[in-house]
Amino acid sequence: RSPFSASAHTVRAAWVFMTGDKGDGGLIGPAGPLGPQGEAGECPASCGGALGPPGPQGVSGLTGARGLPGVQGLIGSKGLKGERGDEGKPGIPGLNGQKGSQGEQGGCECTDGEDGADGAVGEKGAKGEDGNPGDQGLDGRVYTAPVNGSYVFSFHLAVAGRVLKVGLFHNFSPSVRVTEGADQSTASHSVALHLTQGDRVWLQVKDATTNGMYTDGERSSTFSGYLLHPDSCGTPRGKSFIPTMKELQEEYSWEGPSGTAAPSP
């Protein structure tokens, strides 16, 4: 090992004049200042590197939001008709269930209920068959004129079951005649007549087959008359007056006495 100083000049001198052992490495000096930047280099065409191998698969990302519904696809063509399947076997009949026990007898305590609403009107029933003709009724009172004068007579008749042919007769002569169908209708008429004291006025049906006059709890048939104007200024007699009947020798006929002009039916 050299005993000389470690200066550079001394070392050179030592190497010139004598050979000794290699000394220890010197301390690393401080870094010098950065030198000027060199010019940009150019890469020849041959320096392009090849692609490296693919890297490992990355971690799966988060699930994305649900997309909008897709456009409806076209309708597919109709498939072929399938073959008829085999007929199934009949099922096993079930067992009869047990008879239930009798329930308790119900009771009604509905004494404070309100009346229900009226039901709807039912449909019209089929037309019934014609009934047998009824027995001949007793002769009713005929209206008899108490005084000479002008009178007004009117009738309003309910009709059902059969045709009605009715006439208002004055001493066997028809003053007016009416025909009405059998389908629940009405026949009405009014007429003014000049009567002589004792003349009679009444309603008469043509025969038993045309007596469709009808009455019940909601329908009625009426015939009425009144004195419109007397021929004299004397006071008409009261209701208790019973005039002397004229002797009427004619027999009833729907057409009236022979030779008497009658209205058309």
Protein backbone atom coordinates (compact mmCIF):
# COMPACT_ATOMS: atom_id res chain seq x y z
CA ARG A 1 0.00 0.00 0.00
CA SER A 2 1.36 3.37 -0.99
CA PRO A 3 2.31 5.72 1.82
CA PHE A 4 2.10 8.72 -0.44
CA SER A 5 -0.66 11.28 -0.55
CA ALA A 6 -3.80 10.40 -2.60
CA SER A 7 -3.45 13.44 -4.89
CA ALA A 8 -3.46 12.82 -8.57
CA HIS A 9 -0.02 14.24 -9.17
CA THR A 10 1.59 12.13 -6.52
CA VAL A 11 -0.13 9.00 -7.78
CA ARG A 12 1.11 9.56 -11.31
CA ALA A 13 4.58 10.02 -9.96
CA ALA A 14 4.30 6.89 -7.92
CA TRP A 15 3.21 4.88 -10.97
CA VAL A 16 6.16 6.18 -12.88
CA PHE A 17 8.85 5.43 -10.39
CA MET A 18 7.46 2.43 -8.56
CA THR A 19 4.82 -0.21 -8.59
CA GLY A 20 2.67 -0.75 -5.56
CA ASP A 21 -0.62 -2.37 -4.59
CA LYS A 22 -3.89 -1.10 -6.08
CA GLY A 23 -5.50 1.44 -3.88
CA ASP A 24 -9.09 1.57 -2.72
CA GLY A 25 -11.74 3.15 -4.91
CA GLY A 26 -12.33 6.80 -4.41
CA LEU A 27 -15.53 8.35 -3.30
CA ILE A 28 -18.22 9.08 -5.95
CA GLY A 29 -18.21 12.69 -6.77
CA PRO A 30 -21.26 14.88 -7.02
CA ALA A 31 -23.35 14.79 -10.20
CA GLY A 32 -22.38 17.34 -12.72
CA PRO A 33 -24.78 19.78 -14.40
CA LEU A 34 -27.12 18.49 -17.18
CA GLY A 35 -25.62 18.76 -20.57
CA PRO A 36 -27.42 20.27 -23.56
CA GLN A 37 -30.25 18.21 -25.12
CA GLY A 38 -29.19 16.30 -28.09
CA GLU A 39 -30.82 16.42 -31.46
CA ALA A 40 -33.97 14.32 -32.02
CA GLY A 41 -33.09 10.97 -33.35
CA GLU A 42 -34.67 9.26 -36.30
CA CYS A 43 -35.90 5.66 -36.22
CA PRO A 44 -35.20 3.72 -39.37
CA ALA A 45 -37.98 1.65 -40.89
CA SER A 46 -36.47 -1.47 -39.47
CA CYS A 47 -36.84 -0.39 -35.86
CA GLY A 48 -40.65 -0.88 -35.60
CA GLY A 49 -41.26 -3.45 -32.87
CA ALA A 50 -43.65 -6.40 -33.22
CA LEU A 51 -46.93 -6.51 -31.19
CA GLY A 52 -46.49 -8.17 -27.88
CA PRO A 53 -48.72 -11.07 -26.67
CA PRO A 54 -52.27 -10.15 -25.40
CA GLY A 55 -52.45 -9.28 -21.77
CA PRO A 56 -54.57 -11.21 -19.23
CA GLN A 57 -58.36 -10.66 -19.19
CA GLY A 58 -59.39 -7.76 -17.04
CA VAL A 59 -61.95 -7.86 -14.20
CA SER A 60 -65.65 -7.85 -15.32
CA GLY A 61 -67.24 -4.40 -15.30
CA LEU A 62 -70.48 -3.39 -13.54
CA THR A 63 -73.85 -4.48 -15.05
CA GLY A 64 -75.19 -1.80 -17.41
CA ALA A 65 -78.71 -0.27 -17.29
CA ARG A 66 -81.62 -2.21 -18.88
CA GLY A 67 -81.97 -1.34 -22.56
CA LEU A 68 -85.15 -0.20 -24.30
CA PRO A 69 -87.55 -2.89 -25.61
CA GLY A 70 -86.67 -4.08 -29.03
CA VAL A 71 -88.84 -3.64 -32.10
CA GLN A 72 -91.56 -6.30 -32.44
CA GLY A 73 -90.54 -8.99 -34.79
CA LEU A 74 -92.46 -10.13 -37.83
CA ILE A 75 -95.28 -12.67 -37.38
CA GLY A 76 -94.10 -16.08 -38.25
CA SER A 77 -95.81 -18.29 -40.77
CA LYS A 78 -98.59 -20.60 -39.61
CA GLY A 79 -97.38 -24.00 -38.62
CA LEU A 80 -98.66 -27.26 -39.98
CA LYS A 81 -101.69 -28.85 -38.37
CA GLY A 82 -100.68 -31.39 -35.82
CA GLU A 83 -101.90 -34.93 -35.79
CA ARG A 84 -104.93 -35.86 -33.70
CA GLY A 85 -103.96 -37.22 -30.36
CA ASP A 86 -105.09 -40.51 -28.97
CA GLU A 87 -108.40 -40.56 -27.15
CA GLY A 88 -107.94 -40.53 -23.43
CA LYS A 89 -109.20 -43.25 -21.17
CA PRO A 90 -112.40 -42.63 -19.15
CA GLY A 91 -111.72 -41.49 -15.65
CA ILE A 92 -112.54 -43.57 -12.61
CA PRO A 93 -116.03 -42.70 -11.26
CA GLY A 94 -115.84 -40.82 -7.99
CA LEU A 95 -117.33 -42.11 -4.79
CA ASN A 96 -120.65 -40.75 -3.55
CA GLY A 97 -120.20 -38.07 -0.96
CA GLN A 98 -121.58 -38.39 2.52
CA LYS A 99 -125.01 -37.00 3.21
CA GLY A 100 -124.80 -33.73 5.03
CA SER A 101 -126.52 -33.17 8.33
CA GLN A 102 -129.78 -31.25 8.33
CA GLY A 103 -129.36 -27.59 9.03
CA GLU A 104 -131.20 -25.64 11.66
CA GLN A 105 -134.61 -24.32 10.80
CA GLY A 106 -134.39 -20.74 9.67
CA GLY A 107 -136.41 -18.02 11.31
CA CYS A 108 -137.81 -14.81 9.87
CA GLU A 109 -137.56 -11.61 11.88
CA CYS A 110 -138.08 -9.26 8.96
CA THR A 111 -141.12 -7.48 10.37
CA ASP A 112 -139.55 -4.03 10.03
CA GLY A 113 -138.52 -4.28 6.37
CA GLU A 114 -139.71 -1.78 3.83
CA ASP A 115 -141.81 -2.70 0.82
CA GLY A 116 -139.72 -3.48 -2.22
CA ALA A 117 -139.96 -1.58 -5.48
CA ASP A 118 -142.56 -2.67 -8.00
CA GLY A 119 -141.33 -5.27 -10.43
CA ALA A 120 -140.99 -4.61 -14.13
CA VAL A 121 -144.00 -5.21 -16.35
CA GLY A 122 -143.91 -8.69 -17.80
CA GLU A 123 -144.00 -9.44 -21.48
CA LYS A 124 -147.35 -9.76 -23.18
CA GLY A 125 -148.62 -13.29 -23.06
CA ALA A 126 -149.86 -15.31 -25.98
CA LYS A 127 -153.46 -14.76 -27.07
CA GLY A 128 -155.80 -17.10 -25.29
CA GLU A 129 -158.50 -19.13 -26.90
CA ASP A 130 -161.97 -17.66 -27.26
CA GLY A 131 -164.18 -18.51 -24.34
CA ASN A 132 -167.69 -19.89 -24.57
CA PRO A 133 -170.45 -17.30 -25.05
CA GLY A 134 -171.92 -16.17 -21.75
CA ASP A 135 -175.52 -16.49 -20.74
CA GLN A 136 -177.97 -13.92 -22.04
CA GLY A 137 -178.14 -11.05 -19.59
CA LEU A 138 -181.31 -9.54 -18.23
CA ASP A 139 -182.88 -6.70 -20.15
CA GLY A 140 -181.54 -3.43 -18.84
CA ARG A 141 -183.50 -0.20 -18.37
CA VAL A 142 -183.78 1.86 -21.39
CA TYR A 143 -183.50 5.49 -21.33
CA THR A 144 -187.02 7.02 -21.74
CA ALA A 145 -187.48 10.72 -22.67
CA PRO A 146 -189.49 12.60 -19.98
CA VAL A 147 -190.23 15.63 -22.23
CA ASN A 148 -189.98 16.69 -25.82
CA GLY A 149 -186.60 18.21 -26.58
CA SER A 150 -183.00 17.82 -27.72
CA TYR A 151 -180.85 15.20 -25.94
CA VAL A 152 -177.20 14.23 -26.00
CA PHE A 153 -176.16 10.57 -25.63
CA SER A 154 -172.64 9.15 -25.34
CA PHE A 155 -171.03 5.80 -24.66
CA HIS A 156 -167.51 4.64 -23.82
CA LEU A 157 -167.00 0.86 -24.04
CA ALA A 158 -163.96 -1.30 -23.24
CA VAL A 159 -163.37 -4.09 -25.77
CA ALA A 160 -161.44 -7.35 -25.29
CA GLY A 161 -161.66 -10.98 -26.26
CA ARG A 162 -163.82 -10.61 -29.35
CA VAL A 163 -165.05 -8.08 -31.90
CA LEU A 164 -167.63 -5.55 -30.76
CA LYS A 165 -170.50 -4.42 -33.03
CA VAL A 166 -172.73 -2.05 -31.08
CA GLY A 167 -175.38 0.46 -32.07
CA LEU A 168 -177.27 3.27 -30.36
CA PHE A 169 -180.94 2.70 -31.16
CA HIS A 170 -183.83 5.14 -31.03
CA ASN A 171 -187.14 3.26 -31.00
CA PHE A 172 -185.57 0.26 -32.87
CA SER A 173 -183.90 2.48 -35.45
CA PRO A 174 -180.07 2.62 -35.31
CA SER A 175 -178.88 6.20 -34.93
CA VAL A 176 -175.19 5.21 -34.95
CA ARG A 177 -173.34 1.89 -35.24
CA VAL A 178 -169.70 1.14 -34.31
CA THR A 179 -167.37 -1.80 -35.01
CA GLU A 180 -164.19 -2.26 -32.95
CA GLY A 181 -161.47 -4.97 -33.04
CA ALA A 182 -160.90 -7.50 -30.28
CA ASP A 183 -157.36 -6.48 -29.23
CA GLN A 184 -157.97 -4.54 -25.97
CA SER A 185 -159.32 -1.29 -27.33
CA THR A 186 -162.19 1.14 -26.72
CA ALA A 187 -165.26 2.25 -28.65
CA SER A 188 -166.62 5.76 -28.00
CA HIS A 189 -169.25 7.96 -29.62
CA SER A 190 -171.57 10.90 -28.90
CA VAL A 191 -174.76 11.88 -30.73
CA ALA A 192 -177.49 14.55 -30.36
CA LEU A 193 -181.12 13.45 -30.93
CA HIS A 194 -184.53 15.10 -30.83
CA LEU A 195 -186.90 12.95 -28.76
CA THR A 196 -190.60 13.03 -28.09
CA GLN A 197 -191.83 12.29 -24.60
CA GLY A 198 -191.85 8.52 -24.12
CA ASP A 199 -189.26 7.77 -26.84
CA ARG A 200 -186.69 5.17 -25.82
CA VAL A 201 -182.94 5.08 -26.49
CA TRP A 202 -180.61 2.13 -25.78
CA LEU A 203 -177.38 0.36 -26.76
CA GLN A 204 -177.65 -2.97 -28.57
CA VAL A 205 -174.98 -5.43 -29.83
CA LYS A 206 -175.52 -7.09 -33.19
CA ASP A 207 -175.46 -10.68 -31.89
CA ALA A 208 -173.78 -12.99 -29.33
CA THR A 209 -170.64 -13.47 -31.44
CA THR A 210 -169.96 -9.72 -31.68
CA ASN A 211 -170.43 -8.85 -28.01
CA GLY A 212 -166.85 -7.84 -27.16
CA MET A 213 -167.95 -5.42 -24.43
CA TYR A 214 -165.64 -5.89 -21.41
CA THR A 215 -165.32 -4.67 -17.85
CA ASP A 216 -163.14 -5.48 -14.83
CA GLY A 217 -161.66 -3.78 -11.77
CA GLU A 218 -159.71 -1.28 -13.88
CA ARG A 219 -161.87 -0.88 -16.99
CA SER A 220 -165.53 -0.04 -17.32
CA SER A 221 -168.16 0.49 -20.00
CA THR A 222 -170.58 3.41 -19.65
CA PHE A 223 -173.66 4.80 -21.42
CA SER A 224 -175.19 8.14 -20.47
CA GLY A 225 -177.60 10.80 -21.77
CA TYR A 226 -178.97 14.17 -20.71
CA LEU A 227 -181.51 16.76 -21.81
CA LEU A 228 -179.79 19.52 -23.70
CA HIS A 229 -182.82 21.79 -24.34
CA PRO A 230 -186.58 21.18 -23.89
CA ASP A 231 -189.04 22.23 -26.58
CA SER A 232 -191.23 24.13 -24.07
CA CYS A 233 -190.41 26.46 -21.22
CA GLY A 234 -192.02 24.16 -18.64
CA THR A 235 -189.82 22.65 -15.96
CA PRO A 236 -188.85 19.02 -16.78
CA ARG A 237 -190.19 16.46 -14.36
CA GLY A 238 -187.89 14.85 -11.78
CA LYS A 239 -186.14 11.51 -11.85
CA SER A 240 -189.06 9.83 -10.14
CA PHE A 241 -191.26 10.55 -13.14
CA ILE A 242 -192.14 7.38 -15.05
CA PRO A 243 -193.49 8.33 -18.49
CA THR A 244 -196.05 6.29 -20.30
CA MET A 245 -194.30 3.94 -22.69
CA LYS A 246 -195.21 4.13 -26.30
CA GLU A 247 -196.56 0.95 -27.71
CA LEU A 248 -193.65 -0.23 -29.86
CA GLN A 249 -194.68 -3.19 -31.98
CA GLU A 250 -191.44 -3.56 -33.98
CA GLU A 251 -188.93 -6.32 -33.32
CA TYR A 252 -185.24 -5.64 -32.95
CA SER A 253 -183.16 -5.80 -36.13
CA TRP A 254 -179.53 -4.68 -36.60
CA GLU A 255 -180.63 -3.06 -39.86
CA GLY A 256 -183.62 -1.30 -38.22
CA PRO A 257 -187.29 -1.44 -39.31
CA SER A 258 -187.88 -2.15 -42.96
CA GLY A 259 -187.89 0.97 -45.06
CA THR A 260 -185.94 2.98 -42.41
CA ALA A 261 -182.71 4.55 -43.53
CA ALA A 262 -179.93 3.30 -41.28
CA PRO A 263 -176.27 4.37 -41.03
CA SER A 264 -173.66 2.07 -42.49
CA PRO A 265 -172.10 -0.33 -39.91
